[in-house]
């Protein structure tokens, strides 16, 4: 098969029905494949997405933990236990 990254399946299979898991997985793949290919082919798009991810990381570093929830610098509270 060659080099590939694989992960154990069990931790991700949270649904009782395996068919639901695979249907959900294929739906995600079908909905994101074009964007993933664009990340590889379009340097401008890659830079745009990378900057957005960096900005999210900065936001999380500024967030404070409070009672199992993240309280963002914007004042909104996000459940960290989801």
C-alpha atoms as a PDB file:
ATOM      1  CA  UNK A   1       0.000   0.000   0.000  1.00  0.00           C
ATOM      2  CA  UNK A   2       2.873   2.416   0.551  1.00  0.00           C
ATOM      3  CA  UNK A   3       3.172   5.213   3.068  1.00  0.00           C
ATOM      4  CA  UNK A   4      -0.069   6.415   4.549  1.00  0.00           C
ATOM      5  CA  UNK A   5      -1.318   7.876   7.775  1.00  0.00           C
ATOM      6  CA  UNK A   6      -3.884   5.792   9.576  1.00  0.00           C
ATOM      7  CA  UNK A   7      -5.636   6.136  12.894  1.00  0.00           C
ATOM      8  CA  UNK A   8      -7.373   3.566  15.073  1.00  0.00           C
ATOM      9  CA  UNK A   9     -11.015   3.507  14.076  1.00  0.00           C
ATOM     10  CA  UNK A  10     -12.648   2.662  17.421  1.00  0.00           C
ATOM     11  CA  UNK A  11     -12.178   6.056  19.168  1.00  0.00           C
ATOM     12  CA  UNK A  12     -13.921   7.803  16.280  1.00  0.00           C
ATOM     13  CA  UNK A  13     -16.787   5.356  15.874  1.00  0.00           C
ATOM     14  CA  UNK A  14     -19.127   6.858  18.439  1.00  0.00           C
ATOM     15  CA  UNK A  15     -22.298   5.855  16.634  1.00  0.00           C
ATOM     16  CA  UNK A  16     -23.887   2.505  17.406  1.00  0.00           C
ATOM     17  CA  UNK A  17     -24.461   1.815  13.727  1.00  0.00           C
ATOM     18  CA  UNK A  18     -21.289   1.492  11.625  1.00  0.00           C
ATOM     19  CA  UNK A  19     -23.222   2.441   8.485  1.00  0.00           C
ATOM     20  CA  UNK A  20     -24.063   5.816  10.038  1.00  0.00           C
ATOM     21  CA  UNK A  21     -20.379   6.347  10.829  1.00  0.00           C
ATOM     22  CA  UNK A  22     -19.311   5.609   7.259  1.00  0.00           C
ATOM     23  CA  UNK A  23     -22.158   7.675   5.786  1.00  0.00           C
ATOM     24  CA  UNK A  24     -21.053  10.619   7.933  1.00  0.00           C
ATOM     25  CA  UNK A  25     -17.401  10.093   6.987  1.00  0.00           C
ATOM     26  CA  UNK A  26     -18.177   9.986   3.270  1.00  0.00           C
ATOM     27  CA  UNK A  27     -20.363  13.064   3.594  1.00  0.00           C
ATOM     28  CA  UNK A  28     -17.480  14.989   5.192  1.00  0.00           C
ATOM     29  CA  UNK A  29     -15.097  13.788   2.484  1.00  0.00           C
ATOM     30  CA  UNK A  30     -17.505  14.731  -0.307  1.00  0.00           C
ATOM     31  CA  UNK A  31     -18.119  18.173   1.203  1.00  0.00           C
ATOM     32  CA  UNK A  32     -14.452  19.037   1.801  1.00  0.00           C
ATOM     33  CA  UNK A  33     -12.466  17.286  -0.955  1.00  0.00           C
ATOM     34  CA  UNK A  34     -12.512  20.250  -3.329  1.00  0.00           C
ATOM     35  CA  UNK A  35     -11.241  22.624  -0.618  1.00  0.00           C
ATOM     36  CA  UNK A  36      -8.514  20.178   0.415  1.00  0.00           C
ATOM     37  CA  UNK A  37      -7.334  19.918  -3.188  1.00  0.00           C
ATOM     38  CA  UNK A  38      -7.476  23.712  -3.478  1.00  0.00           C
ATOM     39  CA  UNK A  39      -5.253  24.013  -0.380  1.00  0.00           C
ATOM     40  CA  UNK A  40      -2.623  21.987  -2.202  1.00  0.00           C
ATOM     41  CA  UNK A  41      -2.965  23.709  -5.579  1.00  0.00           C
ATOM     42  CA  UNK A  42      -3.582  27.384  -4.741  1.00  0.00           C
ATOM     43  CA  UNK A  43      -0.878  29.181  -2.713  1.00  0.00           C
ATOM     44  CA  UNK A  44      -3.136  32.210  -2.124  1.00  0.00           C
ATOM     45  CA  UNK A  45      -5.937  30.042  -0.710  1.00  0.00           C
ATOM     46  CA  UNK A  46      -3.425  28.138   1.463  1.00  0.00           C
ATOM     47  CA  UNK A  47      -2.060  31.405   2.886  1.00  0.00           C
ATOM     48  CA  UNK A  48      -5.579  32.678   3.552  1.00  0.00           C
ATOM     49  CA  UNK A  49      -6.598  29.501   5.437  1.00  0.00           C
ATOM     50  CA  UNK A  50      -3.279  29.339   7.298  1.00  0.00           C
ATOM     51  CA  UNK A  51      -3.689  32.938   8.496  1.00  0.00           C
ATOM     52  CA  UNK A  52      -7.231  32.203   9.641  1.00  0.00           C
ATOM     53  CA  UNK A  53      -5.978  29.212  11.654  1.00  0.00           C
ATOM     54  CA  UNK A  54      -3.213  31.321  13.213  1.00  0.00           C
ATOM     55  CA  UNK A  55      -5.779  33.923  14.230  1.00  0.00           C
ATOM     56  CA  UNK A  56      -7.931  31.220  15.859  1.00  0.00           C
ATOM     57  CA  UNK A  57      -4.878  29.996  17.777  1.00  0.00           C
ATOM     58  CA  UNK A  58      -4.174  33.503  19.040  1.00  0.00           C
ATOM     59  CA  UNK A  59      -7.793  33.818  20.167  1.00  0.00           C
ATOM     60  CA  UNK A  60      -7.550  30.551  22.121  1.00  0.00           C
ATOM     61  CA  UNK A  61      -4.318  31.647  23.792  1.00  0.00           C
ATOM     62  CA  UNK A  62      -6.086  34.788  25.009  1.00  0.00           C
ATOM     63  CA  UNK A  63      -9.113  32.844  26.240  1.00  0.00           C
ATOM     64  CA  UNK A  64      -9.389  32.006  29.934  1.00  0.00           C
ATOM     65  CA  UNK A  65     -10.632  28.746  31.391  1.00  0.00           C
ATOM     66  CA  UNK A  66     -13.555  29.212  33.736  1.00  0.00           C
ATOM     67  CA  UNK A  67     -15.568  26.306  35.206  1.00  0.00           C
ATOM     68  CA  UNK A  68     -15.056  23.935  32.267  1.00  0.00           C
ATOM     69  CA  UNK A  69     -15.908  26.668  29.772  1.00  0.00           C
ATOM     70  CA  UNK A  70     -13.725  28.890  27.662  1.00  0.00           C
ATOM     71  CA  UNK A  71     -14.465  32.548  28.139  1.00  0.00           C
ATOM     72  CA  UNK A  72     -13.203  34.296  25.041  1.00  0.00           C
ATOM     73  CA  UNK A  73     -11.769  37.764  24.897  1.00  0.00           C
ATOM     74  CA  UNK A  74     -14.989  38.682  23.109  1.00  0.00           C
ATOM     75  CA  UNK A  75     -16.955  37.876  26.272  1.00  0.00           C
ATOM     76  CA  UNK A  76     -18.760  34.866  24.809  1.00  0.00           C
ATOM     77  CA  UNK A  77     -18.652  31.592  26.757  1.00  0.00           C
ATOM     78  CA  UNK A  78     -17.940  28.351  24.907  1.00  0.00           C
ATOM     79  CA  UNK A  79     -18.465  24.896  26.388  1.00  0.00           C
ATOM     80  CA  UNK A  80     -15.074  23.142  26.440  1.00  0.00           C
ATOM     81  CA  UNK A  81     -16.641  19.782  27.272  1.00  0.00           C
ATOM     82  CA  UNK A  82     -18.316  19.229  23.896  1.00  0.00           C
END
